[in-house]
Amino acid sequence: MQNRETKRNEKYEKILEAAIKIFSKHGYYKATISQIAREAGVADGTIYLYFKNKDDILKSFFTYRTREVFAKFKDEVKKGKNALDKLRRLIHAHLTAFEKSREMAIVYQVECKKRSHLSKDKIKEMSNMYMELVKEIIQLGQKEGTIRKDLSIPLVRQLMVGAIDEVITTWVYTSKKYSLSSMTDPLMDLIVKGIGNDKEK
């Protein structure tokens, strides 16, 4: 028999999942507590047993889901045999996480960014953790000799994170249907090889 804490956690997650669907469908500004409650199958008042307001729901979504996703990123990176394998696994895990939940991708890419002030500290914390993970991979690659040692690590991190973010944003907004994770190898190729042509030298 489930204890009270387990049931509470399940309801908390159920409300968050419902909120993600409503925020992605109607937008954060137009979404209402009543819509979220209906989607979650609970009374309006139940929402306030877990969250103060809509802002609190969005902040909780970012904290809860981002930590969950980042843990998967780290697990995938650990499986990598070398720096480039780790890098590919990170990119694939990143794209796959958003592909599995387009609603989550919309809320994160659109709503969380528009209202970054609501989760400013958490966004900074998770961003730093992600950047540190990328830094470790780059440093390993430089040590192995698979990544140039003369490159600026901060610049490489910005290039990689910016490219992934843009690919996800494009996928969210485009009317074309395609697999987001299918962009893993093209992204990996671009990041590792760049756009120059050695034959032109």
N, C-alpha and C. Protein backbone atom coordinates (compact mmCIF):
# COMPACT_ATOMS: atom_id res chain seq x y z
N MET A 1 0.84 -1.21 0.00
CA MET A 1 0.00 0.00 0.00
C MET A 1 0.87 1.26 0.00
N GLN A 2 0.55 2.21 -0.87
CA GLN A 2 1.35 3.41 -0.99
C GLN A 2 1.20 4.27 0.27
N ASN A 3 2.34 4.82 0.74
CA ASN A 3 2.25 5.71 1.88
C ASN A 3 1.86 7.11 1.43
N ARG A 4 1.58 7.97 2.40
CA ARG A 4 1.09 9.32 2.09
C ARG A 4 2.10 10.13 1.28
N GLU A 5 3.39 9.99 1.62
CA GLU A 5 4.43 10.76 0.94
C GLU A 5 4.53 10.36 -0.53
N THR A 6 4.43 9.06 -0.81
CA THR A 6 4.49 8.57 -2.19
C THR A 6 3.34 9.13 -3.00
N LYS A 7 2.13 9.09 -2.43
CA LYS A 7 0.96 9.62 -3.12
C LYS A 7 1.10 11.12 -3.36
N ARG A 8 1.66 11.81 -2.40
CA ARG A 8 1.86 13.26 -2.53
C ARG A 8 2.83 13.56 -3.67
N ASN A 9 3.92 12.80 -3.74
CA ASN A 9 4.90 12.99 -4.80
C ASN A 9 4.30 12.70 -6.17
N GLU A 10 3.48 11.67 -6.24
CA GLU A 10 2.85 11.31 -7.51
C GLU A 10 1.90 12.42 -7.98
N LYS A 11 1.15 12.98 -7.04
CA LYS A 11 0.22 14.06 -7.39
C LYS A 11 0.99 15.31 -7.81
N TYR A 12 2.09 15.58 -7.13
CA TYR A 12 2.96 16.71 -7.45
C TYR A 12 3.44 16.59 -8.90
N GLU A 13 3.94 15.41 -9.24
CA GLU A 13 4.43 15.18 -10.60
C GLU A 13 3.31 15.25 -11.62
N LYS A 14 2.15 14.75 -11.25
CA LYS A 14 0.99 14.76 -12.16
C LYS A 14 0.57 16.19 -12.48
N ILE A 15 0.60 17.06 -11.46
CA ILE A 15 0.24 18.46 -11.67
C ILE A 15 1.29 19.14 -12.55
N LEU A 16 2.56 18.83 -12.31
CA LEU A 16 3.62 19.42 -13.13
C LEU A 16 3.48 19.00 -14.58
N GLU A 17 3.22 17.73 -14.81
CA GLU A 17 3.05 17.23 -16.18
C GLU A 17 1.86 17.91 -16.86
N ALA A 18 0.80 18.09 -16.10
CA ALA A 18 -0.39 18.76 -16.65
C ALA A 18 -0.06 20.21 -16.99
N ALA A 19 0.70 20.86 -16.11
CA ALA A 19 1.07 22.26 -16.33
C ALA A 19 1.91 22.40 -17.59
N ILE A 20 2.83 21.46 -17.82
CA ILE A 20 3.67 21.49 -19.02
C ILE A 20 2.80 21.44 -20.28
N LYS A 21 1.79 20.57 -20.26
CA LYS A 21 0.89 20.45 -21.41
C LYS A 21 0.12 21.74 -21.64
N ILE A 22 -0.39 22.32 -20.57
CA ILE A 22 -1.19 23.55 -20.68
C ILE A 22 -0.32 24.74 -21.09
N PHE A 23 0.85 24.87 -20.50
CA PHE A 23 1.76 25.97 -20.85
C PHE A 23 2.17 25.88 -22.32
N SER A 24 2.44 24.66 -22.78
CA SER A 24 2.89 24.50 -24.17
C SER A 24 1.75 24.76 -25.15
N LYS A 25 0.53 24.43 -24.74
CA LYS A 25 -0.64 24.59 -25.62
C LYS A 25 -1.15 26.02 -25.66
N HIS A 26 -1.27 26.65 -24.51
CA HIS A 26 -1.88 27.98 -24.44
C HIS A 26 -0.88 29.12 -24.20
N GLY A 27 0.34 28.75 -23.82
CA GLY A 27 1.31 29.78 -23.45
C GLY A 27 1.16 30.09 -21.97
N TYR A 28 2.24 30.45 -21.34
CA TYR A 28 2.23 30.68 -19.89
C TYR A 28 1.24 31.79 -19.50
N TYR A 29 1.25 32.88 -20.26
CA TYR A 29 0.43 34.04 -19.90
C TYR A 29 -1.06 33.71 -19.91
N LYS A 30 -1.51 32.96 -20.92
CA LYS A 30 -2.94 32.66 -21.06
C LYS A 30 -3.39 31.44 -20.25
N ALA A 31 -2.45 30.62 -19.85
CA ALA A 31 -2.81 29.41 -19.09
C ALA A 31 -3.39 29.78 -17.73
N THR A 32 -4.33 28.98 -17.27
CA THR A 32 -4.95 29.24 -15.97
C THR A 32 -4.79 28.05 -15.04
N ILE A 33 -4.91 28.32 -13.76
CA ILE A 33 -4.84 27.25 -12.76
C ILE A 33 -5.95 26.24 -12.99
N SER A 34 -7.14 26.74 -13.37
CA SER A 34 -8.28 25.85 -13.62
C SER A 34 -8.00 24.87 -14.75
N GLN A 35 -7.33 25.35 -15.81
CA GLN A 35 -7.00 24.48 -16.93
C GLN A 35 -6.01 23.40 -16.49
N ILE A 36 -5.05 23.80 -15.69
CA ILE A 36 -4.04 22.85 -15.19
C ILE A 36 -4.71 21.81 -14.29
N ALA A 37 -5.61 22.27 -13.43
CA ALA A 37 -6.32 21.36 -12.52
C ALA A 37 -7.15 20.35 -13.30
N ARG A 38 -7.84 20.83 -14.35
CA ARG A 38 -8.66 19.95 -15.18
C ARG A 38 -7.80 18.89 -15.86
N GLU A 39 -6.66 19.33 -16.40
CA GLU A 39 -5.75 18.41 -17.09
C GLU A 39 -5.19 17.37 -16.13
N ALA A 40 -4.95 17.78 -14.89
CA ALA A 40 -4.39 16.87 -13.88
C ALA A 40 -5.46 16.01 -13.22
N GLY A 41 -6.74 16.39 -13.42
CA GLY A 41 -7.82 15.64 -12.82
C GLY A 41 -7.97 15.89 -11.34
N VAL A 42 -7.67 17.13 -10.93
CA VAL A 42 -7.81 17.49 -9.51
C VAL A 42 -8.62 18.78 -9.40
N ALA A 43 -9.03 19.11 -8.18
CA ALA A 43 -9.76 20.35 -7.94
C ALA A 43 -8.79 21.53 -7.96
N ASP A 44 -9.29 22.71 -8.32
CA ASP A 44 -8.43 23.90 -8.37
C ASP A 44 -7.68 24.09 -7.06
N GLY A 45 -8.39 23.90 -5.94
CA GLY A 45 -7.78 24.12 -4.64
C GLY A 45 -6.62 23.19 -4.35
N THR A 46 -6.64 22.01 -4.97
CA THR A 46 -5.56 21.04 -4.75
C THR A 46 -4.22 21.58 -5.25
N ILE A 47 -4.28 22.35 -6.33
CA ILE A 47 -3.06 22.93 -6.89
C ILE A 47 -2.32 23.73 -5.83
N TYR A 48 -3.09 24.48 -5.04
CA TYR A 48 -2.48 25.38 -4.05
C TYR A 48 -1.95 24.63 -2.83
N LEU A 49 -2.20 23.36 -2.74
CA LEU A 49 -1.60 22.56 -1.67
C LEU A 49 -0.14 22.25 -2.01
N TYR A 50 0.19 22.37 -3.30
CA TYR A 50 1.53 22.04 -3.77
C TYR A 50 2.30 23.25 -4.30
N PHE A 51 1.58 24.23 -4.83
CA PHE A 51 2.22 25.40 -5.44
C PHE A 51 1.53 26.69 -5.00
N LYS A 52 2.31 27.76 -4.89
CA LYS A 52 1.76 29.05 -4.48
C LYS A 52 0.92 29.67 -5.59
N ASN A 53 1.42 29.59 -6.83
CA ASN A 53 0.77 30.22 -7.98
C ASN A 53 1.38 29.67 -9.27
N LYS A 54 1.05 30.30 -10.39
CA LYS A 54 1.56 29.86 -11.69
C LYS A 54 3.08 30.00 -11.77
N ASP A 55 3.59 31.10 -11.23
CA ASP A 55 5.04 31.32 -11.23
C ASP A 55 5.76 30.18 -10.51
N ASP A 56 5.20 29.77 -9.40
CA ASP A 56 5.80 28.70 -8.60
C ASP A 56 5.79 27.38 -9.36
N ILE A 57 4.74 27.15 -10.14
CA ILE A 57 4.66 25.93 -10.94
C ILE A 57 5.77 25.92 -11.99
N LEU A 58 5.97 27.07 -12.66
CA LEU A 58 7.00 27.15 -13.70
C LEU A 58 8.39 26.97 -13.09
N LYS A 59 8.63 27.59 -11.95
CA LYS A 59 9.92 27.44 -11.28
C LYS A 59 10.16 25.99 -10.86
N SER A 60 9.11 25.36 -10.37
CA SER A 60 9.22 23.97 -9.93
C SER A 60 9.47 23.05 -11.11
N PHE A 61 8.81 23.33 -12.22
CA PHE A 61 9.02 22.54 -13.44
C PHE A 61 10.49 22.60 -13.83
N PHE A 62 11.05 23.81 -13.85
CA PHE A 62 12.42 23.96 -14.27
C PHE A 62 13.36 23.19 -13.36
N THR A 63 13.19 23.35 -12.06
CA THR A 63 14.06 22.67 -11.10
C THR A 63 13.92 21.16 -11.18
N TYR A 64 12.68 20.68 -11.14
CA TYR A 64 12.41 19.24 -11.12
C TYR A 64 12.85 18.55 -12.41
N ARG A 65 12.41 19.06 -13.54
CA ARG A 65 12.68 18.40 -14.81
C ARG A 65 14.13 18.56 -15.25
N THR A 66 14.71 19.74 -15.02
CA THR A 66 16.08 19.98 -15.46
C THR A 66 17.06 19.09 -14.70
N ARG A 67 16.87 18.95 -13.42
CA ARG A 67 17.75 18.07 -12.63
C ARG A 67 17.62 16.63 -13.10
N GLU A 68 16.41 16.23 -13.40
CA GLU A 68 16.15 14.87 -13.87
C GLU A 68 16.86 14.61 -15.20
N VAL A 69 16.74 15.55 -16.11
CA VAL A 69 17.35 15.42 -17.43
C VAL A 69 18.87 15.48 -17.34
N PHE A 70 19.39 16.39 -16.52
CA PHE A 70 20.84 16.53 -16.41
C PHE A 70 21.48 15.26 -15.85
N ALA A 71 20.78 14.59 -14.95
CA ALA A 71 21.29 13.34 -14.39
C ALA A 71 21.48 12.30 -15.49
N LYS A 72 20.55 12.30 -16.46
CA LYS A 72 20.65 11.38 -17.59
C LYS A 72 21.83 11.75 -18.49
N PHE A 73 22.07 13.05 -18.65
CA PHE A 73 23.22 13.51 -19.44
C PHE A 73 24.51 12.94 -18.86
N LYS A 74 24.66 13.08 -17.55
CA LYS A 74 25.88 12.64 -16.88
C LYS A 74 26.06 11.13 -17.01
N ASP A 75 24.97 10.40 -16.89
CA ASP A 75 25.03 8.95 -17.01
C ASP A 75 25.49 8.54 -18.41
N GLU A 76 24.99 9.23 -19.41
CA GLU A 76 25.37 8.92 -20.79
C GLU A 76 26.84 9.24 -21.03
N VAL A 77 27.29 10.37 -20.54
CA VAL A 77 28.69 10.78 -20.73
C VAL A 77 29.64 9.76 -20.10
N LYS A 78 29.26 9.23 -18.94
CA LYS A 78 30.10 8.24 -18.24
C LYS A 78 30.32 6.99 -19.08
N LYS A 79 29.36 6.69 -19.95
CA LYS A 79 29.45 5.49 -20.78
C LYS A 79 30.44 5.65 -21.94
N GLY A 80 30.81 6.88 -22.23
CA GLY A 80 31.69 7.15 -23.37
C GLY A 80 33.08 6.56 -23.21
N LYS A 81 33.62 6.01 -24.30
CA LYS A 81 34.94 5.38 -24.27
C LYS A 81 36.07 6.40 -24.35
N ASN A 82 35.79 7.53 -24.99
CA ASN A 82 36.79 8.59 -25.13
C ASN A 82 36.07 9.93 -25.24
N ALA A 83 36.82 10.99 -25.40
CA ALA A 83 36.23 12.33 -25.42
C ALA A 83 35.18 12.52 -26.52
N LEU A 84 35.50 12.10 -27.72
CA LEU A 84 34.56 12.29 -28.83
C LEU A 84 33.30 11.44 -28.66
N ASP A 85 33.47 10.25 -28.11
CA ASP A 85 32.32 9.39 -27.85
C ASP A 85 31.45 10.03 -26.75
N LYS A 86 32.08 10.59 -25.74
CA LYS A 86 31.36 11.26 -24.67
C LYS A 86 30.61 12.47 -25.21
N LEU A 87 31.27 13.22 -26.10
CA LEU A 87 30.65 14.40 -26.68
C LEU A 87 29.43 14.03 -27.51
N ARG A 88 29.55 13.00 -28.31
CA ARG A 88 28.42 12.55 -29.12
C ARG A 88 27.27 12.08 -28.25
N ARG A 89 27.60 11.35 -27.19
CA ARG A 89 26.56 10.85 -26.28
C ARG A 89 25.83 12.00 -25.60
N LEU A 90 26.57 13.05 -25.23
CA LEU A 90 25.96 14.21 -24.59
C LEU A 90 25.00 14.91 -25.55
N ILE A 91 25.45 15.13 -26.78
CA ILE A 91 24.61 15.79 -27.78
C ILE A 91 23.35 14.96 -28.05
N HIS A 92 23.54 13.65 -28.21
CA HIS A 92 22.40 12.77 -28.49
C HIS A 92 21.43 12.75 -27.32
N ALA A 93 21.94 12.69 -26.11
CA ALA A 93 21.08 12.67 -24.92
C ALA A 93 20.31 13.97 -24.79
N HIS A 94 20.96 15.07 -25.11
CA HIS A 94 20.34 16.39 -25.04
C HIS A 94 19.18 16.49 -26.04
N LEU A 95 19.44 16.12 -27.26
CA LEU A 95 18.41 16.21 -28.30
C LEU A 95 17.28 15.21 -28.04
N THR A 96 17.63 14.01 -27.61
CA THR A 96 16.63 12.97 -27.35
C THR A 96 15.69 13.36 -26.22
N ALA A 97 16.24 14.00 -25.18
CA ALA A 97 15.42 14.40 -24.03
C ALA A 97 14.30 15.34 -24.46
N PHE A 98 14.62 16.28 -25.35
CA PHE A 98 13.61 17.23 -25.82
C PHE A 98 12.69 16.60 -26.86
N GLU A 99 13.24 15.69 -27.66
CA GLU A 99 12.43 15.02 -28.67
C GLU A 99 11.34 14.16 -28.02
N LYS A 100 11.66 13.55 -26.88
CA LYS A 100 10.70 12.70 -26.19
C LYS A 100 9.53 13.48 -25.64
N SER A 101 9.73 14.77 -25.39
CA SER A 101 8.64 15.60 -24.86
C SER A 101 8.68 16.96 -25.53
N ARG A 102 7.97 17.05 -26.65
CA ARG A 102 7.91 18.33 -27.36
C ARG A 102 7.31 19.42 -26.47
N GLU A 103 6.38 19.01 -25.63
CA GLU A 103 5.75 19.97 -24.72
C GLU A 103 6.79 20.55 -23.76
N MET A 104 7.67 19.69 -23.25
CA MET A 104 8.73 20.16 -22.37
C MET A 104 9.67 21.10 -23.13
N ALA A 105 9.96 20.74 -24.38
CA ALA A 105 10.85 21.56 -25.20
C ALA A 105 10.26 22.96 -25.41
N ILE A 106 8.97 23.01 -25.67
CA ILE A 106 8.30 24.31 -25.88
C ILE A 106 8.35 25.15 -24.62
N VAL A 107 8.01 24.53 -23.49
CA VAL A 107 8.01 25.27 -22.22
C VAL A 107 9.41 25.78 -21.89
N TYR A 108 10.40 24.94 -22.09
CA TYR A 108 11.76 25.35 -21.75
C TYR A 108 12.30 26.38 -22.74
N GLN A 109 12.18 26.10 -24.04
CA GLN A 109 12.76 26.98 -25.05
C GLN A 109 12.03 28.33 -25.15
N VAL A 110 10.73 28.32 -24.85
CA VAL A 110 9.94 29.54 -25.02
C VAL A 110 9.62 30.19 -23.67
N GLU A 111 8.88 29.48 -22.84
CA GLU A 111 8.36 30.08 -21.61
C GLU A 111 9.43 30.34 -20.55
N CYS A 112 10.31 29.36 -20.31
CA CYS A 112 11.34 29.55 -19.29
C CYS A 112 12.31 30.66 -19.66
N LYS A 113 12.61 30.76 -20.95
CA LYS A 113 13.54 31.81 -21.38
C LYS A 113 12.91 33.19 -21.30
N LYS A 114 11.63 33.25 -21.63
CA LYS A 114 10.93 34.54 -21.56
C LYS A 114 10.85 35.03 -20.12
N ARG A 115 10.74 34.08 -19.21
CA ARG A 115 10.56 34.42 -17.80
C ARG A 115 11.72 33.89 -16.97
N SER A 116 12.93 34.09 -17.47
CA SER A 116 14.12 33.59 -16.80
C SER A 116 14.29 34.17 -15.40
N HIS A 117 13.69 35.34 -15.17
CA HIS A 117 13.81 35.96 -13.84
C HIS A 117 13.16 35.10 -12.75
N LEU A 118 12.22 34.26 -13.15
CA LEU A 118 11.54 33.41 -12.17
C LEU A 118 12.46 32.31 -11.64
N SER A 119 13.40 31.89 -12.46
CA SER A 119 14.29 30.80 -12.06
C SER A 119 15.74 31.17 -12.33
N LYS A 120 16.06 32.44 -12.19
CA LYS A 120 17.39 32.93 -12.53
C LYS A 120 18.51 32.14 -11.86
N ASP A 121 18.40 31.92 -10.56
CA ASP A 121 19.45 31.21 -9.82
C ASP A 121 19.57 29.76 -10.27
N LYS A 122 18.40 29.11 -10.48
CA LYS A 122 18.42 27.71 -10.90
C LYS A 122 18.96 27.56 -12.31
N ILE A 123 18.58 28.50 -13.19
CA ILE A 123 19.07 28.46 -14.57
C ILE A 123 20.58 28.60 -14.58
N LYS A 124 21.09 29.51 -13.76
CA LYS A 124 22.53 29.74 -13.69
C LYS A 124 23.24 28.51 -13.14
N GLU A 125 22.64 27.91 -12.11
CA GLU A 125 23.22 26.72 -11.50
C GLU A 125 23.33 25.57 -12.49
N MET A 126 22.24 25.28 -13.20
CA MET A 126 22.23 24.17 -14.15
C MET A 126 23.10 24.46 -15.36
N SER A 127 23.13 25.72 -15.77
CA SER A 127 23.96 26.12 -16.90
C SER A 127 25.44 25.91 -16.57
N ASN A 128 25.82 26.27 -15.35
CA ASN A 128 27.21 26.09 -14.92
C ASN A 128 27.58 24.62 -14.86
N MET A 129 26.64 23.79 -14.39
CA MET A 129 26.89 22.35 -14.31
C MET A 129 27.06 21.75 -15.71
N TYR A 130 26.23 22.22 -16.65
CA TYR A 130 26.31 21.72 -18.02
C TYR A 130 27.63 22.16 -18.66
N MET A 131 27.98 23.42 -18.46
CA MET A 131 29.21 23.96 -19.02
C MET A 131 30.43 23.24 -18.46
N GLU A 132 30.37 22.89 -17.18
CA GLU A 132 31.48 22.18 -16.54
C GLU A 132 31.64 20.78 -17.14
N LEU A 133 30.51 20.15 -17.46
CA LEU A 133 30.53 18.82 -18.07
C LEU A 133 31.17 18.90 -19.46
N VAL A 134 30.80 19.92 -20.22
CA VAL A 134 31.38 20.11 -21.55
C VAL A 134 32.88 20.40 -21.43
N LYS A 135 33.24 21.22 -20.46
CA LYS A 135 34.65 21.56 -20.24
C LYS A 135 35.49 20.31 -19.97
N GLU A 136 34.97 19.41 -19.14
CA GLU A 136 35.69 18.17 -18.82
C GLU A 136 35.91 17.32 -20.07
N ILE A 137 34.91 17.30 -20.94
CA ILE A 137 35.03 16.52 -22.18
C ILE A 137 36.08 17.13 -23.09
N ILE A 138 36.06 18.45 -23.21
CA ILE A 138 37.02 19.16 -24.06
C ILE A 138 38.45 18.95 -23.55
N GLN A 139 38.63 19.08 -22.25
CA GLN A 139 39.95 18.90 -21.66
C GLN A 139 40.46 17.48 -21.87
N LEU A 140 39.55 16.50 -21.76
CA LEU A 140 39.93 15.11 -22.01
C LEU A 140 40.36 14.94 -23.46
N GLY A 141 39.60 15.56 -24.37
CA GLY A 141 39.92 15.47 -25.79
C GLY A 141 41.27 16.12 -26.11
N GLN A 142 41.57 17.20 -25.46
CA GLN A 142 42.87 17.87 -25.66
C GLN A 142 44.00 16.99 -25.14
N LYS A 143 43.74 16.30 -24.04
CA LYS A 143 44.74 15.40 -23.47
C LYS A 143 44.95 14.19 -24.37
N GLU A 144 43.85 13.69 -24.95
CA GLU A 144 43.93 12.53 -25.85
C GLU A 144 44.52 12.90 -27.20
N GLY A 145 44.41 14.18 -27.56
CA GLY A 145 44.90 14.63 -28.85
C GLY A 145 43.83 14.63 -29.93
N THR A 146 42.56 14.43 -29.54
CA THR A 146 41.46 14.43 -30.52
C THR A 146 40.82 15.80 -30.66
N ILE A 147 41.15 16.71 -29.76
CA ILE A 147 40.66 18.08 -29.82
C ILE A 147 41.86 19.02 -29.73
N ARG A 148 41.91 20.02 -30.57
CA ARG A 148 43.04 20.95 -30.62
C ARG A 148 43.30 21.60 -29.26
N LYS A 149 44.58 21.67 -28.89
CA LYS A 149 44.96 22.23 -27.60
C LYS A 149 44.99 23.76 -27.61
N ASP A 150 45.02 24.35 -28.82
CA ASP A 150 45.12 25.81 -28.90
C ASP A 150 43.74 26.49 -28.84
N LEU A 151 42.69 25.69 -28.73
CA LEU A 151 41.33 26.26 -28.71
C LEU A 151 40.99 26.83 -27.34
N SER A 152 40.20 27.90 -27.34
CA SER A 152 39.68 28.49 -26.11
C SER A 152 38.51 27.65 -25.63
N ILE A 153 38.62 27.06 -24.47
CA ILE A 153 37.55 26.21 -23.95
C ILE A 153 36.23 26.96 -23.79
N PRO A 154 36.25 28.19 -23.23
CA PRO A 154 34.98 28.94 -23.12
C PRO A 154 34.32 29.17 -24.48
N LEU A 155 35.14 29.43 -25.51
CA LEU A 155 34.60 29.67 -26.86
C LEU A 155 34.01 28.39 -27.44
N VAL A 156 34.68 27.27 -27.23
CA VAL A 156 34.18 25.98 -27.73
C VAL A 156 32.86 25.63 -27.04
N ARG A 157 32.79 25.89 -25.74
CA ARG A 157 31.56 25.62 -24.99
C ARG A 157 30.40 26.46 -25.52
N GLN A 158 30.66 27.73 -25.77
CA GLN A 158 29.62 28.62 -26.29
C GLN A 158 29.15 28.16 -27.67
N LEU A 159 30.11 27.76 -28.50
CA LEU A 159 29.79 27.29 -29.84
C LEU A 159 28.89 26.06 -29.78
N MET A 160 29.27 25.11 -28.96
CA MET A 160 28.54 23.85 -28.87
C MET A 160 27.15 24.05 -28.28
N VAL A 161 27.07 24.71 -27.14
CA VAL A 161 25.78 24.93 -26.47
C VAL A 161 24.86 25.78 -27.33
N GLY A 162 25.43 26.80 -27.97
CA GLY A 162 24.63 27.67 -28.84
C GLY A 162 24.07 26.92 -30.03
N ALA A 163 24.88 26.04 -30.60
CA ALA A 163 24.44 25.26 -31.77
C ALA A 163 23.32 24.30 -31.39
N ILE A 164 23.47 23.61 -30.27
CA ILE A 164 22.44 22.67 -29.82
C ILE A 164 21.14 23.41 -29.52
N ASP A 165 21.26 24.53 -28.83
CA ASP A 165 20.09 25.33 -28.47
C ASP A 165 19.34 25.80 -29.72
N GLU A 166 20.09 26.23 -30.72
CA GLU A 166 19.47 26.72 -31.96
C GLU A 166 18.77 25.59 -32.71
N VAL A 167 19.37 24.42 -32.72
CA VAL A 167 18.78 23.25 -33.39
C VAL A 167 17.45 22.88 -32.72
N ILE A 168 17.42 22.90 -31.40
CA ILE A 168 16.19 22.58 -30.66
C ILE A 168 15.12 23.64 -30.91
N THR A 169 15.52 24.90 -30.85
CA THR A 169 14.56 26.00 -31.08
C THR A 169 13.94 25.92 -32.46
N THR A 170 14.77 25.63 -33.47
CA THR A 170 14.28 25.49 -34.84
C THR A 170 13.28 24.35 -34.93
N TRP A 171 13.59 23.23 -34.29
CA TRP A 171 12.71 22.06 -34.28
C TRP A 171 11.37 22.39 -33.63
N VAL A 172 11.40 23.17 -32.57
CA VAL A 172 10.18 23.55 -31.86
C VAL A 172 9.27 24.40 -32.74
N TYR A 173 9.86 25.35 -33.47
CA TYR A 173 9.07 26.31 -34.23
C TYR A 173 8.71 25.86 -35.66
N THR A 174 9.47 24.93 -36.22
CA THR A 174 9.23 24.57 -37.61
C THR A 174 7.94 23.76 -37.79
N SER A 175 7.37 23.87 -38.98
CA SER A 175 6.17 23.10 -39.30
C SER A 175 6.55 21.75 -39.90
N LYS A 176 7.84 21.59 -40.23
CA LYS A 176 8.31 20.33 -40.80
C LYS A 176 8.42 19.27 -39.71
N LYS A 177 8.15 18.04 -40.09
CA LYS A 177 8.25 16.93 -39.16
C LYS A 177 9.54 16.16 -39.41
N TYR A 178 10.41 16.12 -38.42
CA TYR A 178 11.64 15.34 -38.54
C TYR A 178 12.13 15.00 -37.13
N SER A 179 12.99 14.01 -37.07
CA SER A 179 13.52 13.56 -35.80
C SER A 179 14.61 14.52 -35.31
N LEU A 180 14.43 15.03 -34.11
CA LEU A 180 15.42 15.95 -33.55
C LEU A 180 16.74 15.23 -33.29
N SER A 181 16.65 14.00 -32.80
CA SER A 181 17.87 13.25 -32.49
C SER A 181 18.67 12.90 -33.74
N SER A 182 18.02 12.97 -34.92
CA SER A 182 18.73 12.68 -36.18
C SER A 182 19.77 13.76 -36.50
N MET A 183 19.70 14.86 -35.76
CA MET A 183 20.65 15.95 -35.97
C MET A 183 21.95 15.73 -35.18
N THR A 184 22.02 14.65 -34.43
CA THR A 184 23.20 14.37 -33.61
C THR A 184 24.48 14.31 -34.43
N ASP A 185 24.50 13.45 -35.43
CA ASP A 185 25.73 13.27 -36.21
C ASP A 185 26.10 14.51 -37.03
N PRO A 186 25.14 15.19 -37.68
CA PRO A 186 25.49 16.44 -38.39
C PRO A 186 26.07 17.49 -37.43
N LEU A 187 25.50 17.59 -36.23
CA LEU A 187 26.01 18.53 -35.24
C LEU A 187 27.41 18.14 -34.78
N MET A 188 27.58 16.87 -34.52
CA MET A 188 28.87 16.35 -34.08
C MET A 188 29.93 16.61 -35.14
N ASP A 189 29.58 16.38 -36.38
CA ASP A 189 30.50 16.58 -37.50
C ASP A 189 30.89 18.05 -37.62
N LEU A 190 29.91 18.92 -37.47
CA LEU A 190 30.17 20.36 -37.58
C LEU A 190 31.04 20.87 -36.44
N ILE A 191 30.74 20.41 -35.22
CA ILE A 191 31.50 20.85 -34.06
C ILE A 191 32.95 20.37 -34.10
N VAL A 192 33.13 19.11 -34.50
CA VAL A 192 34.48 18.53 -34.51
C VAL A 192 35.31 18.99 -35.71
N LYS A 193 34.67 19.04 -36.89
CA LYS A 193 35.42 19.36 -38.12
C LYS A 193 35.36 20.82 -38.52
N GLY A 194 34.34 21.54 -38.04
CA GLY A 194 34.20 22.94 -38.44
C GLY A 194 33.69 23.07 -39.85
N ILE A 195 33.81 24.26 -40.45
CA ILE A 195 33.29 24.47 -41.80
C ILE A 195 34.40 24.71 -42.82
N GLY A 196 35.64 24.65 -42.36
CA GLY A 196 36.75 24.87 -43.28
C GLY A 196 37.02 23.65 -44.15
N ASN A 197 37.73 23.88 -45.24
CA ASN A 197 38.09 22.81 -46.16
C ASN A 197 39.62 22.75 -46.25
N ASP A 198 40.20 21.72 -45.64
CA ASP A 198 41.65 21.60 -45.63
C ASP A 198 42.24 21.50 -47.03
N LYS A 199 41.46 21.02 -47.99
CA LYS A 199 41.94 20.86 -49.36
C LYS A 199 42.22 22.20 -50.03
N GLU A 200 41.60 23.26 -49.49
CA GLU A 200 41.77 24.58 -50.09
C GLU A 200 43.09 25.21 -49.69
N LYS A 201 43.81 24.63 -48.71
CA LYS A 201 45.08 25.18 -48.24
C LYS A 201 46.17 25.00 -49.29
